[in-house]
Amino acid sequence: MNHTDIDTVTFKNLTEQDAYVLLDVRTAEEFEAGHIRDSINIDFYKMNFEQELDELDKRKKYLVYCRSGNRSRQAMFLMRDLGFEEVNNLAGGIIDWVGNNLETVR
């Protein structure tokens, strides 16, 4: 199993591969304010967060992010514990993504 914190450049390169599912674990309000294209949103703070994660296909590869990398890092380790094969966390979150002048959508 592979569960790793990665930098923005590496994360961006992986988003360009169809093999990965983008997962935004911020709140719905944060997501609507701007997210990485093709991301799905599962709110880290929702009561059923773990259940929603557990319903995802554990054989797929995931790129997970939040605002700063903290929630997504916790989500990455939870996903590891739930049996996900590969999860990569955007270490600096969407803050670093935007800081590198990368595109977000609404």
N, C-alpha and C. Protein backbone atom coordinates (compact mmCIF):
# COMPACT_ATOMS: atom_id res chain seq x y z
N MET A 1 0.84 -1.19 0.00
CA MET A 1 0.00 0.00 0.00
C MET A 1 0.88 1.24 0.00
N ASN A 2 0.40 2.28 -0.64
CA ASN A 2 1.16 3.52 -0.77
C ASN A 2 0.32 4.69 -0.25
N HIS A 3 0.78 5.31 0.81
CA HIS A 3 0.09 6.47 1.40
C HIS A 3 1.16 7.51 1.70
N THR A 4 1.15 8.60 0.92
CA THR A 4 2.27 9.52 0.93
C THR A 4 1.82 10.98 0.87
N ASP A 5 2.55 11.84 1.56
CA ASP A 5 2.40 13.29 1.39
C ASP A 5 3.24 13.67 0.17
N ILE A 6 2.67 14.44 -0.76
CA ILE A 6 3.41 14.85 -1.95
C ILE A 6 3.30 16.36 -2.15
N ASP A 7 4.27 16.90 -2.88
CA ASP A 7 4.30 18.34 -3.13
C ASP A 7 3.32 18.71 -4.25
N THR A 8 3.13 19.99 -4.43
CA THR A 8 2.15 20.50 -5.40
C THR A 8 2.48 20.10 -6.83
N VAL A 9 3.73 20.17 -7.22
CA VAL A 9 4.12 19.84 -8.59
C VAL A 9 3.81 18.37 -8.89
N THR A 10 4.19 17.49 -7.98
CA THR A 10 3.92 16.06 -8.15
C THR A 10 2.42 15.80 -8.19
N PHE A 11 1.68 16.45 -7.29
CA PHE A 11 0.22 16.30 -7.24
C PHE A 11 -0.39 16.73 -8.56
N LYS A 12 0.04 17.89 -9.08
CA LYS A 12 -0.47 18.41 -10.35
C LYS A 12 -0.22 17.41 -11.47
N ASN A 13 0.99 16.86 -11.53
CA ASN A 13 1.32 15.88 -12.57
C ASN A 13 0.43 14.65 -12.48
N LEU A 14 0.12 14.20 -11.27
CA LEU A 14 -0.75 13.04 -11.11
C LEU A 14 -2.20 13.34 -11.48
N THR A 15 -2.63 14.60 -11.30
CA THR A 15 -4.01 14.95 -11.67
C THR A 15 -4.23 14.81 -13.17
N GLU A 16 -3.17 14.83 -13.92
CA GLU A 16 -3.27 14.73 -15.38
C GLU A 16 -3.36 13.29 -15.86
N GLN A 17 -3.29 12.35 -14.93
CA GLN A 17 -3.43 10.93 -15.27
C GLN A 17 -4.85 10.48 -14.93
N ASP A 18 -5.46 9.77 -15.84
CA ASP A 18 -6.83 9.29 -15.62
C ASP A 18 -6.92 8.24 -14.51
N ALA A 19 -5.80 7.73 -14.08
CA ALA A 19 -5.79 6.66 -13.08
C ALA A 19 -6.18 7.11 -11.68
N TYR A 20 -6.26 8.43 -11.45
CA TYR A 20 -6.48 8.94 -10.11
C TYR A 20 -7.85 9.58 -9.94
N VAL A 21 -8.41 9.42 -8.73
CA VAL A 21 -9.64 10.09 -8.33
C VAL A 21 -9.24 11.24 -7.41
N LEU A 22 -9.73 12.44 -7.71
CA LEU A 22 -9.45 13.62 -6.88
C LEU A 22 -10.51 13.73 -5.79
N LEU A 23 -10.06 13.83 -4.55
CA LEU A 23 -10.97 13.90 -3.42
C LEU A 23 -10.67 15.14 -2.58
N ASP A 24 -11.64 16.03 -2.50
CA ASP A 24 -11.56 17.26 -1.70
C ASP A 24 -12.31 17.01 -0.40
N VAL A 25 -11.63 17.11 0.74
CA VAL A 25 -12.27 16.81 2.02
C VAL A 25 -12.63 18.07 2.80
N ARG A 26 -12.70 19.21 2.10
CA ARG A 26 -13.11 20.45 2.76
C ARG A 26 -14.63 20.50 2.87
N THR A 27 -15.13 21.54 3.52
CA THR A 27 -16.57 21.72 3.64
C THR A 27 -17.18 22.06 2.28
N ALA A 28 -18.47 21.91 2.16
CA ALA A 28 -19.17 22.23 0.91
C ALA A 28 -18.96 23.70 0.54
N GLU A 29 -18.94 24.57 1.53
CA GLU A 29 -18.73 26.00 1.28
C GLU A 29 -17.33 26.26 0.72
N GLU A 30 -16.34 25.62 1.29
CA GLU A 30 -14.97 25.76 0.79
C GLU A 30 -14.86 25.22 -0.64
N PHE A 31 -15.49 24.08 -0.86
CA PHE A 31 -15.47 23.44 -2.18
C PHE A 31 -16.09 24.36 -3.23
N GLU A 32 -17.24 24.93 -2.91
CA GLU A 32 -17.95 25.81 -3.84
C GLU A 32 -17.17 27.09 -4.13
N ALA A 33 -16.33 27.53 -3.20
CA ALA A 33 -15.54 28.75 -3.40
C ALA A 33 -14.43 28.54 -4.42
N GLY A 34 -14.06 27.29 -4.65
CA GLY A 34 -13.03 26.98 -5.63
C GLY A 34 -12.37 25.66 -5.32
N HIS A 35 -12.34 24.77 -6.31
CA HIS A 35 -11.74 23.44 -6.12
C HIS A 35 -10.99 23.03 -7.38
N ILE A 36 -10.23 21.99 -7.26
CA ILE A 36 -9.49 21.46 -8.40
C ILE A 36 -10.48 20.72 -9.30
N ARG A 37 -10.38 20.99 -10.60
CA ARG A 37 -11.30 20.40 -11.59
C ARG A 37 -11.42 18.88 -11.41
N ASP A 38 -12.64 18.39 -11.54
CA ASP A 38 -12.98 16.96 -11.48
C ASP A 38 -12.88 16.36 -10.08
N SER A 39 -12.80 17.19 -9.06
CA SER A 39 -12.77 16.68 -7.69
C SER A 39 -14.16 16.29 -7.22
N ILE A 40 -14.19 15.28 -6.36
CA ILE A 40 -15.42 14.97 -5.64
C ILE A 40 -15.23 15.50 -4.22
N ASN A 41 -16.33 15.85 -3.58
CA ASN A 41 -16.25 16.48 -2.26
C ASN A 41 -16.92 15.59 -1.22
N ILE A 42 -16.14 15.24 -0.20
CA ILE A 42 -16.67 14.56 0.98
C ILE A 42 -16.14 15.34 2.18
N ASP A 43 -17.04 15.97 2.90
CA ASP A 43 -16.70 16.87 4.01
C ASP A 43 -16.13 16.11 5.21
N PHE A 44 -14.89 16.43 5.55
CA PHE A 44 -14.19 15.82 6.67
C PHE A 44 -14.96 15.95 7.98
N TYR A 45 -15.71 17.04 8.14
CA TYR A 45 -16.39 17.32 9.40
C TYR A 45 -17.77 16.68 9.51
N LYS A 46 -18.25 16.05 8.44
CA LYS A 46 -19.57 15.41 8.51
C LYS A 46 -19.53 14.18 9.41
N MET A 47 -20.63 13.94 10.09
CA MET A 47 -20.70 12.80 11.01
C MET A 47 -20.44 11.47 10.30
N ASN A 48 -20.86 11.36 9.05
CA ASN A 48 -20.72 10.08 8.33
C ASN A 48 -19.51 10.07 7.38
N PHE A 49 -18.52 10.89 7.66
CA PHE A 49 -17.34 11.00 6.80
C PHE A 49 -16.68 9.63 6.58
N GLU A 50 -16.43 8.92 7.65
CA GLU A 50 -15.76 7.61 7.52
C GLU A 50 -16.61 6.65 6.70
N GLN A 51 -17.90 6.67 6.91
CA GLN A 51 -18.80 5.79 6.16
C GLN A 51 -18.78 6.14 4.66
N GLU A 52 -18.80 7.44 4.35
CA GLU A 52 -18.75 7.86 2.94
C GLU A 52 -17.43 7.42 2.29
N LEU A 53 -16.32 7.54 3.02
CA LEU A 53 -15.05 7.07 2.49
C LEU A 53 -15.09 5.57 2.25
N ASP A 54 -15.63 4.85 3.22
CA ASP A 54 -15.65 3.40 3.16
C ASP A 54 -16.45 2.88 1.95
N GLU A 55 -17.36 3.70 1.43
CA GLU A 55 -18.18 3.31 0.28
C GLU A 55 -17.45 3.51 -1.05
N LEU A 56 -16.30 4.20 -1.04
CA LEU A 56 -15.52 4.41 -2.27
C LEU A 56 -14.80 3.12 -2.66
N ASP A 57 -14.44 3.01 -3.92
CA ASP A 57 -13.71 1.85 -4.43
C ASP A 57 -12.27 1.89 -3.91
N LYS A 58 -11.93 0.94 -3.06
CA LYS A 58 -10.62 0.93 -2.40
C LYS A 58 -9.49 0.52 -3.34
N ARG A 59 -9.81 -0.01 -4.51
CA ARG A 59 -8.77 -0.42 -5.47
C ARG A 59 -8.30 0.74 -6.33
N LYS A 60 -9.08 1.82 -6.37
CA LYS A 60 -8.68 2.99 -7.16
C LYS A 60 -7.59 3.76 -6.43
N LYS A 61 -6.90 4.64 -7.19
CA LYS A 61 -5.85 5.49 -6.63
C LYS A 61 -6.46 6.87 -6.37
N TYR A 62 -6.15 7.45 -5.21
CA TYR A 62 -6.75 8.72 -4.81
C TYR A 62 -5.70 9.80 -4.59
N LEU A 63 -6.08 11.02 -4.97
CA LEU A 63 -5.35 12.24 -4.65
C LEU A 63 -6.28 13.03 -3.74
N VAL A 64 -5.86 13.26 -2.51
CA VAL A 64 -6.73 13.91 -1.53
C VAL A 64 -6.13 15.25 -1.11
N TYR A 65 -7.00 16.24 -0.93
CA TYR A 65 -6.53 17.56 -0.50
C TYR A 65 -7.58 18.28 0.33
N CYS A 66 -7.12 19.30 1.04
CA CYS A 66 -8.00 20.17 1.83
C CYS A 66 -7.43 21.59 1.71
N ARG A 67 -7.65 22.42 2.71
CA ARG A 67 -7.16 23.79 2.67
C ARG A 67 -5.64 23.85 2.82
N SER A 68 -5.12 23.21 3.87
CA SER A 68 -3.69 23.32 4.17
C SER A 68 -2.94 21.99 4.17
N GLY A 69 -3.64 20.89 4.07
CA GLY A 69 -3.01 19.57 4.09
C GLY A 69 -3.24 18.79 5.37
N ASN A 70 -3.82 19.43 6.39
CA ASN A 70 -4.01 18.76 7.67
C ASN A 70 -5.18 17.76 7.64
N ARG A 71 -6.37 18.22 7.27
CA ARG A 71 -7.53 17.31 7.21
C ARG A 71 -7.29 16.18 6.21
N SER A 72 -6.70 16.54 5.07
CA SER A 72 -6.48 15.52 4.04
C SER A 72 -5.44 14.50 4.49
N ARG A 73 -4.48 14.93 5.27
CA ARG A 73 -3.50 13.97 5.80
C ARG A 73 -4.17 13.00 6.76
N GLN A 74 -5.05 13.52 7.61
CA GLN A 74 -5.80 12.65 8.52
C GLN A 74 -6.69 11.69 7.71
N ALA A 75 -7.31 12.23 6.66
CA ALA A 75 -8.16 11.40 5.79
C ALA A 75 -7.34 10.31 5.12
N MET A 76 -6.13 10.65 4.68
CA MET A 76 -5.25 9.67 4.02
C MET A 76 -4.98 8.49 4.95
N PHE A 77 -4.68 8.77 6.22
CA PHE A 77 -4.39 7.69 7.15
C PHE A 77 -5.65 6.90 7.50
N LEU A 78 -6.78 7.57 7.56
CA LEU A 78 -8.05 6.86 7.77
C LEU A 78 -8.32 5.93 6.58
N MET A 79 -8.08 6.44 5.38
CA MET A 79 -8.29 5.62 4.18
C MET A 79 -7.34 4.42 4.19
N ARG A 80 -6.12 4.62 4.63
CA ARG A 80 -5.17 3.50 4.77
C ARG A 80 -5.76 2.44 5.70
N ASP A 81 -6.27 2.90 6.85
CA ASP A 81 -6.83 1.99 7.83
C ASP A 81 -8.08 1.27 7.31
N LEU A 82 -8.79 1.93 6.38
CA LEU A 82 -9.99 1.32 5.78
C LEU A 82 -9.64 0.37 4.64
N GLY A 83 -8.36 0.31 4.25
CA GLY A 83 -7.93 -0.65 3.25
C GLY A 83 -7.74 -0.11 1.85
N PHE A 84 -7.67 1.22 1.70
CA PHE A 84 -7.41 1.80 0.38
C PHE A 84 -5.97 1.49 -0.02
N GLU A 85 -5.78 1.14 -1.29
CA GLU A 85 -4.47 0.71 -1.76
C GLU A 85 -3.49 1.86 -1.96
N GLU A 86 -3.96 2.99 -2.53
CA GLU A 86 -3.05 4.11 -2.78
C GLU A 86 -3.77 5.43 -2.55
N VAL A 87 -3.20 6.25 -1.67
CA VAL A 87 -3.73 7.59 -1.40
C VAL A 87 -2.55 8.54 -1.27
N ASN A 88 -2.59 9.63 -2.05
CA ASN A 88 -1.56 10.67 -1.99
C ASN A 88 -2.19 11.95 -1.48
N ASN A 89 -1.54 12.57 -0.52
CA ASN A 89 -2.03 13.80 0.10
C ASN A 89 -1.26 15.01 -0.41
N LEU A 90 -1.99 16.05 -0.81
CA LEU A 90 -1.37 17.32 -1.20
C LEU A 90 -0.90 18.02 0.08
N ALA A 91 0.41 17.95 0.33
CA ALA A 91 0.98 18.38 1.61
C ALA A 91 0.65 19.82 1.97
N GLY A 92 0.65 20.73 1.02
CA GLY A 92 0.37 22.13 1.33
C GLY A 92 -1.07 22.54 1.08
N GLY A 93 -1.90 21.59 0.71
CA GLY A 93 -3.31 21.86 0.47
C GLY A 93 -3.55 22.80 -0.71
N ILE A 94 -4.78 23.23 -0.82
CA ILE A 94 -5.15 24.11 -1.92
C ILE A 94 -4.49 25.48 -1.78
N ILE A 95 -4.04 25.81 -0.58
CA ILE A 95 -3.28 27.06 -0.38
C ILE A 95 -2.04 27.03 -1.28
N ASP A 96 -1.29 25.92 -1.25
CA ASP A 96 -0.10 25.80 -2.10
C ASP A 96 -0.46 25.69 -3.57
N TRP A 97 -1.56 25.00 -3.87
CA TRP A 97 -2.03 24.86 -5.25
C TRP A 97 -2.24 26.24 -5.86
N VAL A 98 -3.03 27.08 -5.17
CA VAL A 98 -3.31 28.43 -5.65
C VAL A 98 -2.03 29.28 -5.63
N GLY A 99 -1.20 29.07 -4.62
CA GLY A 99 0.07 29.80 -4.52
C GLY A 99 1.01 29.52 -5.68
N ASN A 100 0.81 28.38 -6.33
CA ASN A 100 1.61 28.02 -7.51
C ASN A 100 0.88 28.40 -8.81
N ASN A 101 -0.13 29.27 -8.67
CA ASN A 101 -0.90 29.77 -9.82
C ASN A 101 -1.57 28.66 -10.63
N LEU A 102 -2.02 27.61 -9.93
CA LEU A 102 -2.72 26.51 -10.60
C LEU A 102 -4.22 26.78 -10.53
N GLU A 103 -4.93 26.25 -11.52
CA GLU A 103 -6.34 26.58 -11.72
C GLU A 103 -7.27 25.89 -10.71
N THR A 104 -8.27 26.66 -10.28
CA THR A 104 -9.40 26.09 -9.54
C THR A 104 -10.67 26.46 -10.31
N VAL A 105 -11.72 25.71 -10.08
CA VAL A 105 -13.00 25.97 -10.71
C VAL A 105 -14.08 26.11 -9.64
N ARG A 106 -15.21 26.72 -10.06
CA ARG A 106 -16.34 26.87 -9.13
C ARG A 106 -17.51 26.08 -9.62
